[in-house]
């Protein structure tokens, strides 16, 4: 006999045949015997014991226990074997007597026996399904919008810079904000800046002339 935690034997061709006989098969967790092809056959050809505390699953197009053969399911009491076969006109391809077989042979289940046959399409998969891969997400963090307004003011001379500064006043937060000059001296405010620069230049020139024409008198000794 053979013993394992999980014991599985299967043939998967269209005409696959799995013959089981002699001794015993024992498993602690799962025992599966499969021949699920469209003409697959699982045949018990001599007395055999299916033991252990495992679930016992027999799945094939047809399951046959030959005449006068006994398949013993242990432990007893314990869970019965699960049988999955194809049906023809409502009759299961369960070729044995008792346990809701079709009675075409005299072979039987003994011990804990077998449950009534179920459709082969309902059989558990031979191998456990692989877990679906977990998708990974790449999280993109957008840059927060800037709260600082940036700009470029082109100043062609110091007079123009003075004109800009004469035209501004500090706000409540103490910051000085310069009006938009449309990025150069060709904007719609350029003529205003140039006029202010010329006025400031003329004002400073007048102040210089006034200072130079002043003649201090000599104080008496």
N, C-alpha and C. Protein backbone atom coordinates (compact mmCIF):
# COMPACT_ATOMS: atom_id res chain seq x y z
N UNK A 1 0.83 -1.19 0.00
CA UNK A 1 0.00 0.00 0.00
C UNK A 1 0.87 1.25 0.00
N UNK A 2 0.25 2.40 -0.12
CA UNK A 2 0.94 3.68 -0.15
C UNK A 2 0.27 4.61 0.83
N UNK A 3 1.10 5.43 1.53
CA UNK A 3 0.56 6.39 2.50
C UNK A 3 1.25 7.74 2.27
N UNK A 4 0.43 8.80 2.33
CA UNK A 4 0.98 10.15 2.18
C UNK A 4 0.00 11.13 2.79
N UNK A 5 0.48 12.35 2.98
CA UNK A 5 -0.43 13.39 3.45
C UNK A 5 -1.46 13.69 2.36
N UNK A 6 -0.97 13.89 1.13
CA UNK A 6 -1.83 14.07 -0.04
C UNK A 6 -1.44 13.00 -1.05
N UNK A 7 -2.43 12.22 -1.50
CA UNK A 7 -2.16 11.15 -2.45
C UNK A 7 -3.09 11.33 -3.64
N UNK A 8 -2.48 11.56 -4.83
CA UNK A 8 -3.28 11.80 -6.03
C UNK A 8 -2.74 10.96 -7.18
N UNK A 9 -3.67 10.39 -7.96
CA UNK A 9 -3.31 9.69 -9.18
C UNK A 9 -4.36 10.04 -10.23
N UNK A 10 -3.88 10.38 -11.43
CA UNK A 10 -4.83 10.79 -12.46
C UNK A 10 -4.30 10.54 -13.85
N UNK A 11 -5.20 10.24 -14.77
CA UNK A 11 -4.89 10.17 -16.20
C UNK A 11 -5.88 11.10 -16.89
N UNK A 12 -5.37 11.92 -17.80
CA UNK A 12 -6.20 13.01 -18.30
C UNK A 12 -6.44 12.98 -19.81
N UNK A 13 -6.00 11.93 -20.49
CA UNK A 13 -6.27 11.82 -21.91
C UNK A 13 -7.74 11.51 -22.16
N UNK A 14 -8.14 11.69 -23.40
CA UNK A 14 -9.54 11.43 -23.77
C UNK A 14 -9.95 10.00 -23.42
N UNK A 15 -9.04 9.04 -23.63
CA UNK A 15 -9.35 7.63 -23.37
C UNK A 15 -8.53 7.08 -22.21
N UNK A 16 -8.17 7.99 -21.27
CA UNK A 16 -7.32 7.55 -20.15
C UNK A 16 -8.01 6.53 -19.27
N UNK A 17 -7.22 5.53 -18.82
CA UNK A 17 -7.74 4.48 -17.96
C UNK A 17 -6.85 4.38 -16.73
N UNK A 18 -7.46 4.44 -15.54
CA UNK A 18 -6.73 4.28 -14.28
C UNK A 18 -7.27 3.03 -13.60
N UNK A 19 -6.40 2.01 -13.52
CA UNK A 19 -6.78 0.76 -12.87
C UNK A 19 -6.17 0.71 -11.48
N UNK A 20 -6.98 0.41 -10.47
CA UNK A 20 -6.53 0.38 -9.07
C UNK A 20 -6.86 -1.01 -8.52
N UNK A 21 -5.88 -1.62 -7.87
CA UNK A 21 -6.16 -2.93 -7.28
C UNK A 21 -5.03 -3.39 -6.38
N UNK A 22 -5.42 -4.17 -5.36
CA UNK A 22 -4.45 -4.81 -4.49
C UNK A 22 -3.95 -3.88 -3.41
N UNK A 23 -3.92 -4.35 -2.16
CA UNK A 23 -3.35 -3.59 -1.06
C UNK A 23 -4.25 -2.43 -0.65
N UNK A 24 -3.62 -1.26 -0.39
CA UNK A 24 -4.41 -0.12 0.08
C UNK A 24 -3.73 1.18 -0.23
N UNK A 25 -4.50 2.24 -0.25
CA UNK A 25 -4.02 3.60 -0.42
C UNK A 25 -4.52 4.41 0.77
N UNK A 26 -3.62 5.18 1.39
CA UNK A 26 -3.99 5.91 2.59
C UNK A 26 -3.44 7.32 2.52
N UNK A 27 -4.25 8.31 2.92
CA UNK A 27 -3.81 9.70 2.92
C UNK A 27 -4.40 10.41 4.14
N UNK A 28 -3.65 11.37 4.66
CA UNK A 28 -4.10 12.10 5.85
C UNK A 28 -4.98 13.30 5.51
N UNK A 29 -4.77 13.91 4.33
CA UNK A 29 -5.52 15.12 3.98
C UNK A 29 -6.41 14.91 2.77
N UNK A 30 -5.85 14.46 1.66
CA UNK A 30 -6.63 14.32 0.43
C UNK A 30 -6.18 13.07 -0.33
N UNK A 31 -7.17 12.30 -0.82
CA UNK A 31 -6.91 11.17 -1.70
C UNK A 31 -7.78 11.36 -2.93
N UNK A 32 -7.14 11.52 -4.09
CA UNK A 32 -7.88 11.74 -5.34
C UNK A 32 -7.47 10.71 -6.37
N UNK A 33 -8.48 10.10 -7.04
CA UNK A 33 -8.26 9.21 -8.16
C UNK A 33 -9.09 9.75 -9.32
N UNK A 34 -8.42 10.20 -10.41
CA UNK A 34 -9.11 10.92 -11.48
C UNK A 34 -8.82 10.31 -12.85
N UNK A 35 -9.89 10.24 -13.69
CA UNK A 35 -9.78 9.91 -15.11
C UNK A 35 -10.90 10.70 -15.81
N UNK A 36 -10.75 12.02 -15.92
CA UNK A 36 -11.87 12.87 -16.34
C UNK A 36 -12.04 13.04 -17.85
N UNK A 37 -11.26 12.31 -18.68
CA UNK A 37 -11.43 12.42 -20.12
C UNK A 37 -12.83 12.01 -20.55
N UNK A 38 -13.20 12.38 -21.77
CA UNK A 38 -14.56 12.09 -22.23
C UNK A 38 -14.87 10.59 -22.23
N UNK A 39 -13.84 9.75 -22.37
CA UNK A 39 -14.02 8.29 -22.28
C UNK A 39 -13.18 7.71 -21.14
N UNK A 40 -12.82 8.56 -20.18
CA UNK A 40 -11.95 8.12 -19.08
C UNK A 40 -12.61 7.07 -18.20
N UNK A 41 -11.76 6.17 -17.68
CA UNK A 41 -12.27 5.08 -16.84
C UNK A 41 -11.42 4.95 -15.58
N UNK A 42 -12.12 4.87 -14.45
CA UNK A 42 -11.49 4.52 -13.17
C UNK A 42 -12.03 3.15 -12.79
N UNK A 43 -11.13 2.16 -12.82
CA UNK A 43 -11.55 0.76 -12.62
C UNK A 43 -10.88 0.19 -11.37
N UNK A 44 -11.68 -0.43 -10.47
CA UNK A 44 -11.15 -1.17 -9.34
C UNK A 44 -11.19 -2.65 -9.75
N UNK A 45 -9.95 -3.19 -9.93
CA UNK A 45 -9.86 -4.51 -10.53
C UNK A 45 -9.59 -5.61 -9.52
N UNK A 46 -9.32 -5.24 -8.27
CA UNK A 46 -9.18 -6.22 -7.19
C UNK A 46 -9.49 -5.51 -5.88
N UNK A 47 -9.67 -6.28 -4.82
CA UNK A 47 -10.04 -5.70 -3.53
C UNK A 47 -8.99 -4.67 -3.10
N UNK A 48 -9.48 -3.56 -2.57
CA UNK A 48 -8.57 -2.48 -2.18
C UNK A 48 -9.19 -1.70 -1.03
N UNK A 49 -8.34 -1.13 -0.22
CA UNK A 49 -8.78 -0.29 0.89
C UNK A 49 -8.30 1.13 0.67
N UNK A 50 -9.22 2.09 0.80
CA UNK A 50 -8.88 3.52 0.76
C UNK A 50 -9.04 4.04 2.17
N UNK A 51 -7.90 4.35 2.82
CA UNK A 51 -7.93 4.68 4.24
C UNK A 51 -7.37 6.07 4.54
N UNK A 52 -7.20 6.28 5.87
CA UNK A 52 -6.71 7.58 6.34
C UNK A 52 -7.87 8.54 6.60
N UNK A 53 -7.54 9.65 7.24
CA UNK A 53 -8.56 10.64 7.60
C UNK A 53 -8.86 11.62 6.47
N UNK A 54 -8.37 11.35 5.29
CA UNK A 54 -8.51 12.28 4.17
C UNK A 54 -9.90 12.22 3.56
N UNK A 55 -10.22 13.32 2.81
CA UNK A 55 -11.37 13.25 1.90
C UNK A 55 -10.99 12.35 0.74
N UNK A 56 -11.89 11.49 0.33
CA UNK A 56 -11.61 10.53 -0.75
C UNK A 56 -12.50 10.88 -1.92
N UNK A 57 -11.87 11.26 -3.06
CA UNK A 57 -12.60 11.78 -4.21
C UNK A 57 -12.28 10.91 -5.41
N UNK A 58 -13.33 10.32 -6.00
CA UNK A 58 -13.20 9.48 -7.18
C UNK A 58 -13.93 10.20 -8.32
N UNK A 59 -13.20 10.57 -9.38
CA UNK A 59 -13.80 11.37 -10.45
C UNK A 59 -13.36 10.83 -11.80
N UNK A 60 -14.33 10.43 -12.63
CA UNK A 60 -14.03 9.90 -13.95
C UNK A 60 -15.30 9.90 -14.78
N UNK A 61 -15.11 9.74 -16.09
CA UNK A 61 -16.30 9.56 -16.93
C UNK A 61 -17.11 8.37 -16.43
N UNK A 62 -16.39 7.30 -16.05
CA UNK A 62 -17.08 6.15 -15.45
C UNK A 62 -16.22 5.58 -14.33
N UNK A 63 -16.89 5.14 -13.26
CA UNK A 63 -16.22 4.46 -12.14
C UNK A 63 -16.81 3.05 -12.08
N UNK A 64 -15.90 2.07 -12.17
CA UNK A 64 -16.35 0.68 -12.23
C UNK A 64 -15.67 -0.14 -11.15
N UNK A 65 -16.48 -0.89 -10.39
CA UNK A 65 -15.95 -1.91 -9.48
C UNK A 65 -16.33 -3.25 -10.10
N UNK A 66 -15.31 -3.99 -10.49
CA UNK A 66 -15.58 -5.24 -11.21
C UNK A 66 -16.37 -6.22 -10.33
N UNK A 67 -16.94 -7.22 -10.99
CA UNK A 67 -17.74 -8.21 -10.28
C UNK A 67 -16.96 -8.82 -9.12
N UNK A 68 -17.67 -8.94 -7.99
CA UNK A 68 -17.14 -9.60 -6.79
C UNK A 68 -15.97 -8.86 -6.14
N UNK A 69 -15.72 -7.63 -6.51
CA UNK A 69 -14.64 -6.82 -5.93
C UNK A 69 -15.24 -5.88 -4.90
N UNK A 70 -14.48 -5.69 -3.82
CA UNK A 70 -14.94 -4.80 -2.73
C UNK A 70 -13.91 -3.69 -2.53
N UNK A 71 -14.43 -2.45 -2.51
CA UNK A 71 -13.60 -1.26 -2.21
C UNK A 71 -14.02 -0.79 -0.82
N UNK A 72 -13.09 -0.94 0.14
CA UNK A 72 -13.41 -0.61 1.54
C UNK A 72 -12.92 0.80 1.86
N UNK A 73 -13.82 1.62 2.41
CA UNK A 73 -13.51 3.00 2.77
C UNK A 73 -13.36 3.07 4.29
N UNK A 74 -12.16 3.48 4.73
CA UNK A 74 -11.87 3.61 6.16
C UNK A 74 -11.43 5.03 6.48
N UNK A 75 -11.60 5.46 7.73
CA UNK A 75 -12.16 4.73 8.89
C UNK A 75 -13.68 4.59 8.80
N UNK A 76 -14.16 3.67 9.58
CA UNK A 76 -15.59 3.42 9.64
C UNK A 76 -15.99 3.27 11.11
N UNK A 77 -16.77 4.19 11.66
CA UNK A 77 -17.44 5.28 10.94
C UNK A 77 -16.46 6.39 10.53
N UNK A 78 -16.81 7.05 9.46
CA UNK A 78 -16.01 8.14 8.92
C UNK A 78 -16.67 8.67 7.67
N UNK A 79 -16.07 9.65 7.03
CA UNK A 79 -16.69 10.22 5.82
C UNK A 79 -16.69 9.23 4.67
N UNK A 80 -17.80 9.20 3.94
CA UNK A 80 -17.91 8.34 2.77
C UNK A 80 -17.12 8.95 1.61
N UNK A 81 -16.78 8.12 0.64
CA UNK A 81 -16.08 8.60 -0.56
C UNK A 81 -17.05 9.41 -1.42
N UNK A 82 -16.51 10.42 -2.09
CA UNK A 82 -17.29 11.22 -3.04
C UNK A 82 -17.02 10.70 -4.45
N UNK A 83 -18.10 10.46 -5.21
CA UNK A 83 -17.98 9.90 -6.56
C UNK A 83 -18.57 10.90 -7.55
N UNK A 84 -17.79 11.19 -8.61
CA UNK A 84 -18.23 12.11 -9.67
C UNK A 84 -18.09 11.40 -11.02
N UNK A 85 -19.20 11.28 -11.75
CA UNK A 85 -19.20 10.60 -13.04
C UNK A 85 -20.10 11.36 -14.01
N UNK A 86 -20.00 10.99 -15.29
CA UNK A 86 -20.95 11.50 -16.27
C UNK A 86 -22.25 10.70 -16.21
N UNK A 87 -23.31 11.34 -16.67
CA UNK A 87 -24.64 10.70 -16.68
C UNK A 87 -25.10 10.54 -18.13
N UNK A 88 -25.75 9.42 -18.40
CA UNK A 88 -26.35 9.16 -19.70
C UNK A 88 -27.85 8.94 -19.49
N UNK A 89 -28.66 9.85 -20.05
CA UNK A 89 -30.12 9.77 -19.88
C UNK A 89 -30.50 9.68 -18.41
N UNK A 90 -29.78 10.43 -17.58
CA UNK A 90 -30.08 10.47 -16.16
C UNK A 90 -29.51 9.33 -15.36
N UNK A 91 -28.81 8.39 -16.02
CA UNK A 91 -28.24 7.24 -15.32
C UNK A 91 -26.74 7.46 -15.16
N UNK A 92 -26.23 7.35 -13.93
CA UNK A 92 -24.79 7.61 -13.73
C UNK A 92 -23.93 6.46 -14.25
N UNK A 93 -22.76 6.86 -14.76
CA UNK A 93 -21.78 5.83 -15.16
C UNK A 93 -21.06 5.31 -13.92
N UNK A 94 -21.85 4.87 -12.93
CA UNK A 94 -21.33 4.33 -11.66
C UNK A 94 -21.62 2.83 -11.69
N UNK A 95 -20.62 2.11 -12.18
CA UNK A 95 -20.82 0.69 -12.47
C UNK A 95 -20.47 -0.16 -11.26
N UNK A 96 -21.42 -0.25 -10.34
CA UNK A 96 -21.30 -1.06 -9.12
C UNK A 96 -22.70 -1.19 -8.51
N UNK A 97 -22.77 -1.98 -7.49
CA UNK A 97 -24.06 -2.21 -6.83
C UNK A 97 -24.07 -1.50 -5.49
N UNK A 98 -25.21 -0.93 -5.15
CA UNK A 98 -25.32 -0.17 -3.91
C UNK A 98 -24.73 1.22 -4.08
N UNK A 99 -24.94 2.04 -3.02
CA UNK A 99 -24.43 3.43 -3.02
C UNK A 99 -24.92 4.19 -4.24
N UNK A 100 -26.14 3.85 -4.70
CA UNK A 100 -26.79 4.48 -5.86
C UNK A 100 -26.03 4.27 -7.16
N UNK A 101 -25.26 3.13 -7.23
CA UNK A 101 -24.67 2.76 -8.50
C UNK A 101 -25.74 2.23 -9.44
N UNK A 102 -25.38 2.00 -10.69
CA UNK A 102 -26.38 1.57 -11.68
C UNK A 102 -26.59 0.05 -11.69
N UNK A 103 -25.81 -0.69 -10.86
CA UNK A 103 -26.04 -2.12 -10.70
C UNK A 103 -25.59 -2.97 -11.86
N UNK A 104 -24.75 -2.46 -12.77
CA UNK A 104 -24.31 -3.27 -13.91
C UNK A 104 -23.23 -4.26 -13.54
N UNK A 105 -22.62 -4.14 -12.33
CA UNK A 105 -21.67 -5.13 -11.83
C UNK A 105 -22.07 -5.47 -10.40
N UNK A 106 -21.46 -6.50 -9.87
CA UNK A 106 -21.74 -6.89 -8.49
C UNK A 106 -20.72 -6.31 -7.51
N UNK A 107 -19.77 -5.53 -8.01
CA UNK A 107 -18.80 -4.90 -7.12
C UNK A 107 -19.49 -3.91 -6.19
N UNK A 108 -18.89 -3.68 -4.99
CA UNK A 108 -19.53 -2.83 -3.98
C UNK A 108 -18.50 -1.99 -3.23
N UNK A 109 -19.03 -0.95 -2.57
CA UNK A 109 -18.26 -0.22 -1.55
C UNK A 109 -18.61 -0.81 -0.19
N UNK A 110 -17.60 -0.85 0.69
CA UNK A 110 -17.83 -1.33 2.05
C UNK A 110 -17.24 -0.31 3.02
N UNK A 111 -17.35 -0.60 4.32
CA UNK A 111 -16.86 0.32 5.33
C UNK A 111 -17.75 1.55 5.38
N UNK A 112 -17.17 2.75 5.29
CA UNK A 112 -17.96 3.98 5.31
C UNK A 112 -18.74 4.17 4.02
N UNK A 113 -18.41 3.39 2.97
CA UNK A 113 -19.17 3.43 1.73
C UNK A 113 -18.89 4.68 0.90
N UNK A 114 -19.81 4.98 0.00
CA UNK A 114 -19.67 6.11 -0.94
C UNK A 114 -20.97 6.89 -1.00
N UNK A 115 -20.86 8.16 -1.21
CA UNK A 115 -22.03 9.02 -1.41
C UNK A 115 -22.62 8.77 -2.80
N UNK A 116 -23.85 9.22 -2.99
CA UNK A 116 -24.49 9.09 -4.30
C UNK A 116 -23.67 9.83 -5.35
N UNK A 117 -23.60 9.27 -6.57
CA UNK A 117 -22.80 9.91 -7.61
C UNK A 117 -23.29 11.32 -7.93
N UNK A 118 -22.34 12.20 -8.22
CA UNK A 118 -22.61 13.58 -8.62
C UNK A 118 -22.05 13.79 -10.03
N UNK A 119 -22.52 14.81 -10.76
CA UNK A 119 -21.99 15.07 -12.11
C UNK A 119 -20.49 15.36 -12.09
N UNK A 120 -19.81 14.83 -13.09
CA UNK A 120 -18.36 15.01 -13.18
C UNK A 120 -17.98 16.50 -13.23
N UNK A 121 -18.85 17.31 -13.82
CA UNK A 121 -18.55 18.74 -13.92
C UNK A 121 -18.49 19.42 -12.57
N UNK A 122 -19.03 18.77 -11.54
CA UNK A 122 -19.01 19.35 -10.20
C UNK A 122 -17.80 18.91 -9.39
N UNK A 123 -16.95 18.09 -9.96
CA UNK A 123 -15.79 17.58 -9.21
C UNK A 123 -14.82 18.70 -8.89
N UNK A 124 -14.19 18.65 -7.72
CA UNK A 124 -13.15 19.62 -7.41
C UNK A 124 -11.99 19.49 -8.39
N UNK A 125 -11.25 20.56 -8.64
CA UNK A 125 -10.10 20.45 -9.54
C UNK A 125 -9.06 19.49 -8.98
N UNK A 126 -8.36 18.84 -9.89
CA UNK A 126 -7.34 17.88 -9.45
C UNK A 126 -6.25 18.58 -8.65
N UNK A 127 -5.83 19.74 -9.15
CA UNK A 127 -4.84 20.55 -8.44
C UNK A 127 -5.53 21.80 -7.92
N UNK A 128 -5.12 22.30 -6.77
CA UNK A 128 -5.73 23.53 -6.26
C UNK A 128 -5.48 24.69 -7.22
N UNK A 129 -6.48 25.55 -7.33
CA UNK A 129 -6.33 26.71 -8.22
C UNK A 129 -5.24 27.62 -7.71
N UNK A 130 -4.45 28.12 -8.66
CA UNK A 130 -3.39 29.07 -8.29
C UNK A 130 -4.03 30.39 -7.88
N UNK A 131 -3.51 30.99 -6.81
CA UNK A 131 -4.08 32.27 -6.41
C UNK A 131 -3.86 33.32 -7.48
N UNK A 132 -4.85 34.15 -7.67
CA UNK A 132 -4.73 35.23 -8.66
C UNK A 132 -3.65 36.21 -8.23
N UNK A 133 -2.83 36.65 -9.18
CA UNK A 133 -1.81 37.62 -8.82
C UNK A 133 -2.44 38.91 -8.32
N UNK A 134 -1.85 39.45 -7.29
CA UNK A 134 -2.35 40.70 -6.72
C UNK A 134 -1.79 41.85 -7.52
N UNK A 135 -2.66 42.61 -8.11
CA UNK A 135 -2.13 43.74 -8.89
C UNK A 135 -1.50 44.77 -7.99
N UNK A 136 -0.42 45.32 -8.50
CA UNK A 136 0.26 46.37 -7.75
C UNK A 136 -0.06 47.71 -8.38
N UNK A 137 -0.31 48.66 -7.54
CA UNK A 137 -0.63 49.99 -8.02
C UNK A 137 0.55 50.92 -7.79
N UNK A 138 0.82 51.65 -8.81
CA UNK A 138 1.83 52.68 -8.68
C UNK A 138 1.10 54.00 -8.46
N UNK A 139 1.24 54.50 -7.27
CA UNK A 139 0.54 55.72 -6.93
C UNK A 139 1.39 56.92 -7.33
N UNK A 140 0.80 57.77 -8.12
CA UNK A 140 1.49 58.98 -8.57
C UNK A 140 0.94 60.15 -7.77
N UNK A 141 1.83 60.82 -7.09
CA UNK A 141 1.43 61.97 -6.30
C UNK A 141 1.64 63.24 -7.12
N UNK A 142 0.56 63.89 -7.52
CA UNK A 142 0.75 65.13 -8.28
C UNK A 142 1.34 66.22 -7.42
N UNK A 143 2.15 67.05 -8.05
CA UNK A 143 2.72 68.16 -7.33
C UNK A 143 1.62 69.14 -6.96
N UNK A 144 1.61 69.61 -5.71
CA UNK A 144 0.58 70.57 -5.33
C UNK A 144 0.72 71.85 -6.12
N UNK A 145 -0.42 72.47 -6.43
CA UNK A 145 -0.33 73.72 -7.19
C UNK A 145 0.42 74.78 -6.41
N UNK A 146 1.24 75.50 -7.12
CA UNK A 146 2.03 76.54 -6.46
C UNK A 146 1.14 77.72 -6.09
N UNK A 147 1.39 78.24 -4.91
CA UNK A 147 0.65 79.42 -4.46
C UNK A 147 1.43 80.70 -4.71
N UNK A 148 2.61 80.55 -5.30
CA UNK A 148 3.44 81.72 -5.55
C UNK A 148 3.35 82.07 -7.02
N UNK A 149 2.93 83.27 -7.32
CA UNK A 149 2.84 83.71 -8.70
C UNK A 149 4.19 84.28 -9.11
N UNK A 150 4.70 83.74 -10.17
CA UNK A 150 6.00 84.18 -10.64
C UNK A 150 5.86 84.90 -11.95
N UNK A 151 6.78 85.78 -12.22
CA UNK A 151 6.75 86.52 -13.46
C UNK A 151 8.11 87.15 -13.70
N UNK A 152 8.27 87.72 -14.87
CA UNK A 152 9.53 88.36 -15.23
C UNK A 152 9.21 89.76 -15.70
N UNK A 153 9.90 90.77 -15.15
CA UNK A 153 9.76 92.15 -15.59
C UNK A 153 11.13 92.59 -16.12
N UNK A 154 11.15 92.96 -17.36
CA UNK A 154 12.40 93.43 -17.97
C UNK A 154 12.51 94.94 -17.81
N UNK A 155 13.59 95.41 -17.23
CA UNK A 155 13.85 96.84 -17.01
C UNK A 155 15.05 97.22 -17.84
N UNK A 156 14.85 98.20 -18.72
CA UNK A 156 15.93 98.56 -19.63
C UNK A 156 16.86 99.63 -19.06
N UNK A 157 16.46 100.30 -17.96
CA UNK A 157 17.31 101.34 -17.38
C UNK A 157 16.96 101.53 -15.93
N UNK A 158 17.87 102.20 -15.19
CA UNK A 158 17.60 102.48 -13.79
C UNK A 158 16.45 103.45 -13.63
N UNK A 159 16.26 104.36 -14.61
CA UNK A 159 15.13 105.29 -14.53
C UNK A 159 13.82 104.54 -14.59
N UNK A 160 13.75 103.51 -15.42
CA UNK A 160 12.52 102.73 -15.52
C UNK A 160 12.26 101.98 -14.22
N UNK A 161 13.33 101.47 -13.61
CA UNK A 161 13.19 100.79 -12.32
C UNK A 161 12.66 101.74 -11.27
N UNK A 162 13.21 103.01 -11.24
CA UNK A 162 12.72 104.00 -10.28
C UNK A 162 11.26 104.32 -10.53
N UNK A 163 10.88 104.40 -11.79
CA UNK A 163 9.49 104.68 -12.11
C UNK A 163 8.58 103.58 -11.60
N UNK A 164 9.02 102.33 -11.73
CA UNK A 164 8.23 101.22 -11.21
C UNK A 164 8.06 101.31 -9.70
N UNK A 165 9.17 101.64 -9.02
CA UNK A 165 9.12 101.71 -7.56
C UNK A 165 8.30 102.89 -7.08
N UNK A 166 8.29 103.99 -7.84
CA UNK A 166 7.46 105.14 -7.46
C UNK A 166 5.98 104.82 -7.59
N UNK A 167 5.66 103.82 -8.42
CA UNK A 167 4.27 103.54 -8.75
C UNK A 167 3.65 102.48 -7.86
N UNK A 168 4.41 101.95 -6.90
CA UNK A 168 3.90 100.86 -6.07
C UNK A 168 3.81 101.30 -4.63
N UNK A 169 2.98 100.58 -3.88
CA UNK A 169 2.81 100.84 -2.46
C UNK A 169 2.76 99.49 -1.74
N UNK A 170 3.34 99.38 -0.56
CA UNK A 170 3.29 98.11 0.18
C UNK A 170 1.86 97.76 0.56
N UNK A 171 1.54 96.45 0.51
CA UNK A 171 0.22 95.97 0.89
C UNK A 171 0.12 95.77 2.38
N UNK A 172 -1.02 95.21 2.83
CA UNK A 172 -1.23 94.99 4.25
C UNK A 172 -0.24 94.02 4.85
N UNK A 173 0.23 93.09 4.03
CA UNK A 173 1.20 92.11 4.53
C UNK A 173 2.63 92.63 4.47
N UNK A 174 2.81 93.89 4.06
CA UNK A 174 4.14 94.48 4.01
C UNK A 174 4.89 94.18 2.74
N UNK A 175 4.26 93.38 1.83
CA UNK A 175 4.95 93.03 0.59
C UNK A 175 4.68 94.08 -0.49
N UNK A 176 5.67 94.29 -1.29
CA UNK A 176 5.55 95.24 -2.39
C UNK A 176 5.25 94.45 -3.66
N UNK A 177 4.18 94.81 -4.36
CA UNK A 177 3.80 94.12 -5.58
C UNK A 177 3.93 95.08 -6.75
N UNK A 178 4.66 94.65 -7.75
CA UNK A 178 4.91 95.47 -8.93
C UNK A 178 3.89 95.12 -9.99
N UNK A 179 3.19 96.11 -10.56
CA UNK A 179 2.20 95.79 -11.60
C UNK A 179 2.84 95.09 -12.77
N UNK A 180 2.03 94.26 -13.44
CA UNK A 180 2.52 93.52 -14.60
C UNK A 180 2.90 94.50 -15.70
N UNK A 181 4.11 94.29 -16.24
CA UNK A 181 4.56 95.16 -17.33
C UNK A 181 4.50 94.42 -18.66
N UNK A 182 3.75 93.26 -18.65
CA UNK A 182 3.66 92.44 -19.87
C UNK A 182 5.03 92.03 -20.37
N UNK A 183 5.91 91.76 -19.39
CA UNK A 183 7.22 91.14 -19.65
C UNK A 183 8.09 91.98 -20.59
N UNK A 184 8.02 93.29 -20.57
CA UNK A 184 8.94 94.07 -21.39
C UNK A 184 8.46 95.49 -21.55
N UNK A 185 9.25 96.29 -22.23
CA UNK A 185 8.91 97.70 -22.39
C UNK A 185 7.95 97.92 -23.53
N UNK A 186 7.46 96.83 -24.20
CA UNK A 186 6.55 97.00 -25.32
C UNK A 186 5.13 96.69 -24.95
N UNK A 187 4.83 96.52 -23.62
CA UNK A 187 3.48 96.21 -23.17
C UNK A 187 2.64 97.45 -23.15
N UNK A 188 1.40 97.24 -22.74
CA UNK A 188 0.47 98.36 -22.76
C UNK A 188 0.78 99.40 -21.69
N UNK A 189 1.59 99.01 -20.63
CA UNK A 189 1.95 99.95 -19.60
C UNK A 189 3.33 100.55 -19.81
N UNK A 190 3.98 100.19 -20.92
CA UNK A 190 5.36 100.65 -21.12
C UNK A 190 5.42 102.14 -21.24
N UNK A 191 4.47 102.76 -21.95
CA UNK A 191 4.52 104.21 -22.14
C UNK A 191 4.36 104.93 -20.82
N UNK A 192 3.51 104.35 -19.92
CA UNK A 192 3.34 104.98 -18.61
C UNK A 192 4.61 104.91 -17.81
N UNK A 193 5.32 103.75 -17.88
CA UNK A 193 6.58 103.64 -17.14
C UNK A 193 7.62 104.60 -17.72
N UNK A 194 7.70 104.69 -19.04
CA UNK A 194 8.68 105.59 -19.66
C UNK A 194 8.38 107.04 -19.31
N UNK A 195 7.09 107.45 -19.31
CA UNK A 195 6.74 108.82 -18.95
C UNK A 195 7.12 109.12 -17.52
N UNK A 196 6.81 108.15 -16.62
CA UNK A 196 7.18 108.36 -15.22
C UNK A 196 8.68 108.48 -15.06
N UNK A 197 9.43 107.66 -15.83
CA UNK A 197 10.90 107.74 -15.75
C UNK A 197 11.39 109.09 -16.21
N UNK A 198 10.81 109.60 -17.30
CA UNK A 198 11.25 110.92 -17.80
C UNK A 198 10.94 112.00 -16.80
N UNK A 199 9.78 111.97 -16.15
CA UNK A 199 9.43 112.98 -15.15
C UNK A 199 10.39 112.94 -13.97
N UNK A 200 10.72 111.72 -13.53
CA UNK A 200 11.65 111.59 -12.40
C UNK A 200 13.02 112.11 -12.79
N UNK A 201 13.45 111.79 -14.00
CA UNK A 201 14.76 112.28 -14.44
C UNK A 201 14.78 113.80 -14.51
N UNK A 202 13.67 114.41 -15.03
CA UNK A 202 13.61 115.87 -15.11
C UNK A 202 13.59 116.48 -13.73
N UNK A 203 12.88 115.84 -12.80
CA UNK A 203 12.82 116.35 -11.43
C UNK A 203 14.20 116.36 -10.78
N UNK A 204 14.95 115.27 -10.97
CA UNK A 204 16.29 115.24 -10.37
C UNK A 204 17.21 116.26 -11.02
N UNK A 205 17.08 116.45 -12.34
CA UNK A 205 17.93 117.44 -13.01
C UNK A 205 17.65 118.84 -12.50
N UNK A 206 16.37 119.18 -12.27
CA UNK A 206 15.99 120.51 -11.75
C UNK A 206 16.55 120.71 -10.36
N UNK A 207 16.52 119.63 -9.54
CA UNK A 207 17.07 119.73 -8.20
C UNK A 207 18.57 119.99 -8.25
N UNK A 208 19.24 119.40 -9.20
CA UNK A 208 20.69 119.60 -9.31
C UNK A 208 20.99 121.03 -9.74
N UNK A 209 20.20 121.55 -10.69
CA UNK A 209 20.44 122.93 -11.15
C UNK A 209 20.18 123.92 -10.03
N UNK A 210 19.13 123.69 -9.26
CA UNK A 210 18.83 124.60 -8.15
C UNK A 210 19.95 124.60 -7.13
N UNK A 211 20.48 123.44 -6.86
CA UNK A 211 21.56 123.36 -5.86
C UNK A 211 22.82 124.04 -6.36
N UNK A 212 23.10 123.93 -7.67
CA UNK A 212 24.34 124.52 -8.18
C UNK A 212 24.27 126.04 -8.28
N UNK A 213 23.03 126.61 -8.39
CA UNK A 213 22.90 128.06 -8.51
C UNK A 213 22.88 128.76 -7.17
N UNK A 214 22.85 128.00 -6.11
CA UNK A 214 22.82 128.60 -4.79
C UNK A 214 24.23 129.02 -4.38
N UNK A 215 24.43 130.38 -3.94
CA UNK A 215 25.75 130.91 -3.54
C UNK A 215 25.72 131.25 -2.07
N UNK A 216 26.37 130.54 -1.28
CA UNK A 216 26.34 130.85 0.17
C UNK A 216 27.07 132.16 0.45
N UNK A 217 26.46 132.99 1.33
CA UNK A 217 27.09 134.25 1.75
C UNK A 217 28.07 134.00 2.87
N UNK A 218 29.11 134.83 2.78
CA UNK A 218 30.10 134.73 3.85
C UNK A 218 29.57 135.41 5.09
N UNK A 219 29.67 134.74 6.17
CA UNK A 219 29.21 135.27 7.43
C UNK A 219 30.23 136.26 7.95
N UNK A 220 29.74 137.34 8.60
CA UNK A 220 30.72 138.32 9.14
C UNK A 220 31.64 137.67 10.15
N UNK A 221 32.86 138.15 10.20
CA UNK A 221 33.86 137.61 11.10
C UNK A 221 33.62 138.11 12.51
